[in-house]
């Protein structure tokens, strides 16, 4: 089967996204990430994840109420399973003061799955290069050298 350059690039991006989702699932199962909240939109919702590994706190129930912690753990396991079976995916990263939140969603939550799209990637890469070169006083030739390797 012959793939075009664009199809190969899209495959690499999809593979990278898949590996990120599996890493998030592992961090949920290991207790380094946990559910922090949900964003409700018109037609679906997204789940916010944070934890000690990315500057947030692990959400816990009130002391003396172990049922609350069990429910939180069950929700984390369910989200992990949905990430592993590719029903939900990372859709956004929110950076706030002192912590980062990972936002996941998918068809099971009423939102479409994000698919790799190279025009957006190329545009973002161009913007990234321009921003880095401008604000961090880097020689734009550096990016050309990286591409050749």
Protein backbone atom coordinates (compact mmCIF):
# COMPACT_ATOMS: atom_id res chain seq x y z
CA UNK A 1 0.00 0.00 0.00
CA UNK A 2 1.47 3.33 -1.06
CA UNK A 3 0.76 6.29 1.15
CA UNK A 4 1.24 9.90 0.17
CA UNK A 5 3.46 12.14 2.24
CA UNK A 6 0.39 13.82 3.75
CA UNK A 7 -1.15 10.46 4.71
CA UNK A 8 2.11 9.42 6.37
CA UNK A 9 2.28 12.70 8.28
CA UNK A 10 -1.34 12.35 9.38
CA UNK A 11 -0.60 8.81 10.54
CA UNK A 12 2.35 10.03 12.61
CA UNK A 13 0.21 12.76 14.17
CA UNK A 14 -2.58 10.28 14.94
CA UNK A 15 -0.04 7.90 16.48
CA UNK A 16 1.36 10.71 18.63
CA UNK A 17 -2.14 11.68 19.78
CA UNK A 18 -2.86 8.04 20.62
CA UNK A 19 0.30 7.75 22.70
CA UNK A 20 -0.57 10.94 24.58
CA UNK A 21 -4.02 9.53 25.37
CA UNK A 22 -2.50 6.27 26.63
CA UNK A 23 -0.06 8.23 28.81
CA UNK A 24 -2.98 10.19 30.29
CA UNK A 25 -4.81 6.91 31.00
CA UNK A 26 -1.73 5.54 32.78
CA UNK A 27 -1.42 8.73 34.87
CA UNK A 28 -5.09 8.45 35.84
CA UNK A 29 -4.66 4.83 36.89
CA UNK A 30 -1.51 5.65 38.86
CA UNK A 31 -3.21 8.49 40.76
CA UNK A 32 -1.07 11.26 39.26
CA UNK A 33 -4.11 12.73 37.49
CA UNK A 34 -7.72 12.85 38.57
CA UNK A 35 -10.97 14.44 37.48
CA UNK A 36 -11.19 18.11 38.47
CA UNK A 37 -14.42 19.16 36.83
CA UNK A 38 -16.55 19.21 33.70
CA UNK A 39 -17.34 21.77 31.03
CA UNK A 40 -20.91 21.58 29.74
CA UNK A 41 -21.53 22.82 26.21
CA UNK A 42 -24.59 22.80 23.97
CA UNK A 43 -24.63 19.19 22.90
CA UNK A 44 -21.94 17.63 25.03
CA UNK A 45 -19.44 18.01 27.80
CA UNK A 46 -15.72 17.77 28.42
CA UNK A 47 -13.88 16.53 31.48
CA UNK A 48 -11.02 18.43 33.10
CA UNK A 49 -8.12 16.42 34.53
CA UNK A 50 -5.33 17.65 36.78
CA UNK A 51 -3.08 16.34 39.50
CA UNK A 52 0.24 16.56 41.29
CA UNK A 53 2.31 15.70 38.22
CA UNK A 54 1.15 18.86 36.42
CA UNK A 55 0.88 21.26 39.34
CA UNK A 56 -2.64 20.57 40.56
CA UNK A 57 -3.86 18.81 43.66
CA UNK A 58 -5.39 15.37 43.73
CA UNK A 59 -9.06 15.81 44.43
CA UNK A 60 -10.23 13.87 47.48
CA UNK A 61 -13.43 13.47 49.43
CA UNK A 62 -13.94 14.87 52.88
CA UNK A 63 -12.06 13.07 55.66
CA UNK A 64 -14.19 10.33 57.18
CA UNK A 65 -16.12 9.72 53.93
CA UNK A 66 -14.25 6.95 52.08
CA UNK A 67 -17.18 6.46 49.69
CA UNK A 68 -16.40 9.81 48.04
CA UNK A 69 -12.80 8.77 47.35
CA UNK A 70 -14.02 5.46 45.94
CA UNK A 71 -16.42 7.25 43.60
CA UNK A 72 -13.61 9.58 42.40
CA UNK A 73 -11.37 6.56 41.79
CA UNK A 74 -14.13 4.77 39.85
CA UNK A 75 -14.65 7.86 37.66
CA UNK A 76 -10.88 8.00 37.02
CA UNK A 77 -10.87 4.31 35.99
CA UNK A 78 -13.84 4.85 33.66
CA UNK A 79 -12.11 7.84 32.02
CA UNK A 80 -8.94 5.74 31.66
CA UNK A 81 -10.84 2.93 29.96
CA UNK A 82 -12.50 5.40 27.59
CA UNK A 83 -9.08 6.83 26.70
CA UNK A 84 -7.61 3.36 26.15
CA UNK A 85 -10.45 2.23 23.87
CA UNK A 86 -10.26 5.58 22.02
CA UNK A 87 -13.78 6.74 22.85
CA UNK A 88 -12.45 10.02 24.23
CA UNK A 89 -9.27 11.95 23.46
CA UNK A 90 -7.28 14.90 24.71
CA UNK A 91 -8.83 17.97 23.10
CA UNK A 92 -7.20 20.85 24.96
CA UNK A 93 -4.65 21.90 27.53
CA UNK A 94 -5.49 24.78 29.85
CA UNK A 95 -2.67 26.59 31.57
CA UNK A 96 -3.59 28.46 34.72
CA UNK A 97 -1.68 30.01 37.59
CA UNK A 98 0.34 27.20 39.12
CA UNK A 99 -1.31 24.28 37.34
CA UNK A 100 -2.24 22.73 34.03
CA UNK A 101 -5.53 21.04 33.19
CA UNK A 102 -5.98 18.45 30.47
CA UNK A 103 -9.40 18.46 28.81
CA UNK A 104 -10.77 15.23 27.32
CA UNK A 105 -13.95 14.57 25.38
CA UNK A 106 -15.38 12.46 22.58
CA UNK A 107 -18.54 11.06 21.01
CA UNK A 108 -19.58 9.29 24.20
CA UNK A 109 -19.75 12.77 25.79
CA UNK A 110 -21.53 14.32 22.78
CA UNK A 111 -18.47 15.87 21.07
CA UNK A 112 -16.84 14.67 17.83
CA UNK A 113 -13.43 12.97 17.89
CA UNK A 114 -10.55 15.22 16.91
CA UNK A 115 -8.78 13.99 13.78
CA UNK A 116 -5.32 15.12 12.65
CA UNK A 117 -5.38 17.86 10.04
CA UNK A 118 -2.17 18.97 8.41
CA UNK A 119 -3.24 22.45 7.27
CA UNK A 120 -3.80 23.38 10.91
CA UNK A 121 -0.53 21.76 11.95
CA UNK A 122 1.43 23.59 9.24
CA UNK A 123 -0.19 26.90 10.19
CA UNK A 124 0.50 26.33 13.88
CA UNK A 125 4.10 25.33 13.16
CA UNK A 126 4.65 28.50 11.12
CA UNK A 127 3.14 30.62 13.91
CA UNK A 128 5.21 28.78 16.54
CA UNK A 129 8.44 29.35 14.64
CA UNK A 130 7.63 33.02 14.14
CA UNK A 131 6.69 33.54 17.80
CA UNK A 132 9.78 31.74 19.14
CA UNK A 133 12.09 33.62 16.77
CA UNK A 134 10.55 36.97 17.68
CA UNK A 135 10.16 36.68 21.44
CA UNK A 136 13.17 34.57 22.31
CA UNK A 137 15.69 36.13 19.91
CA UNK A 138 16.51 32.88 18.10
CA UNK A 139 17.95 32.72 14.61
CA UNK A 140 15.24 31.41 12.20
CA UNK A 141 17.96 29.34 10.48
CA UNK A 142 17.92 27.10 13.55
CA UNK A 143 14.53 25.71 12.49
CA UNK A 144 15.80 24.93 8.98
CA UNK A 145 18.69 22.95 10.46
CA UNK A 146 16.33 20.93 12.65
CA UNK A 147 14.13 20.05 9.67
CA UNK A 148 17.08 18.68 7.68
CA UNK A 149 18.12 16.19 10.38
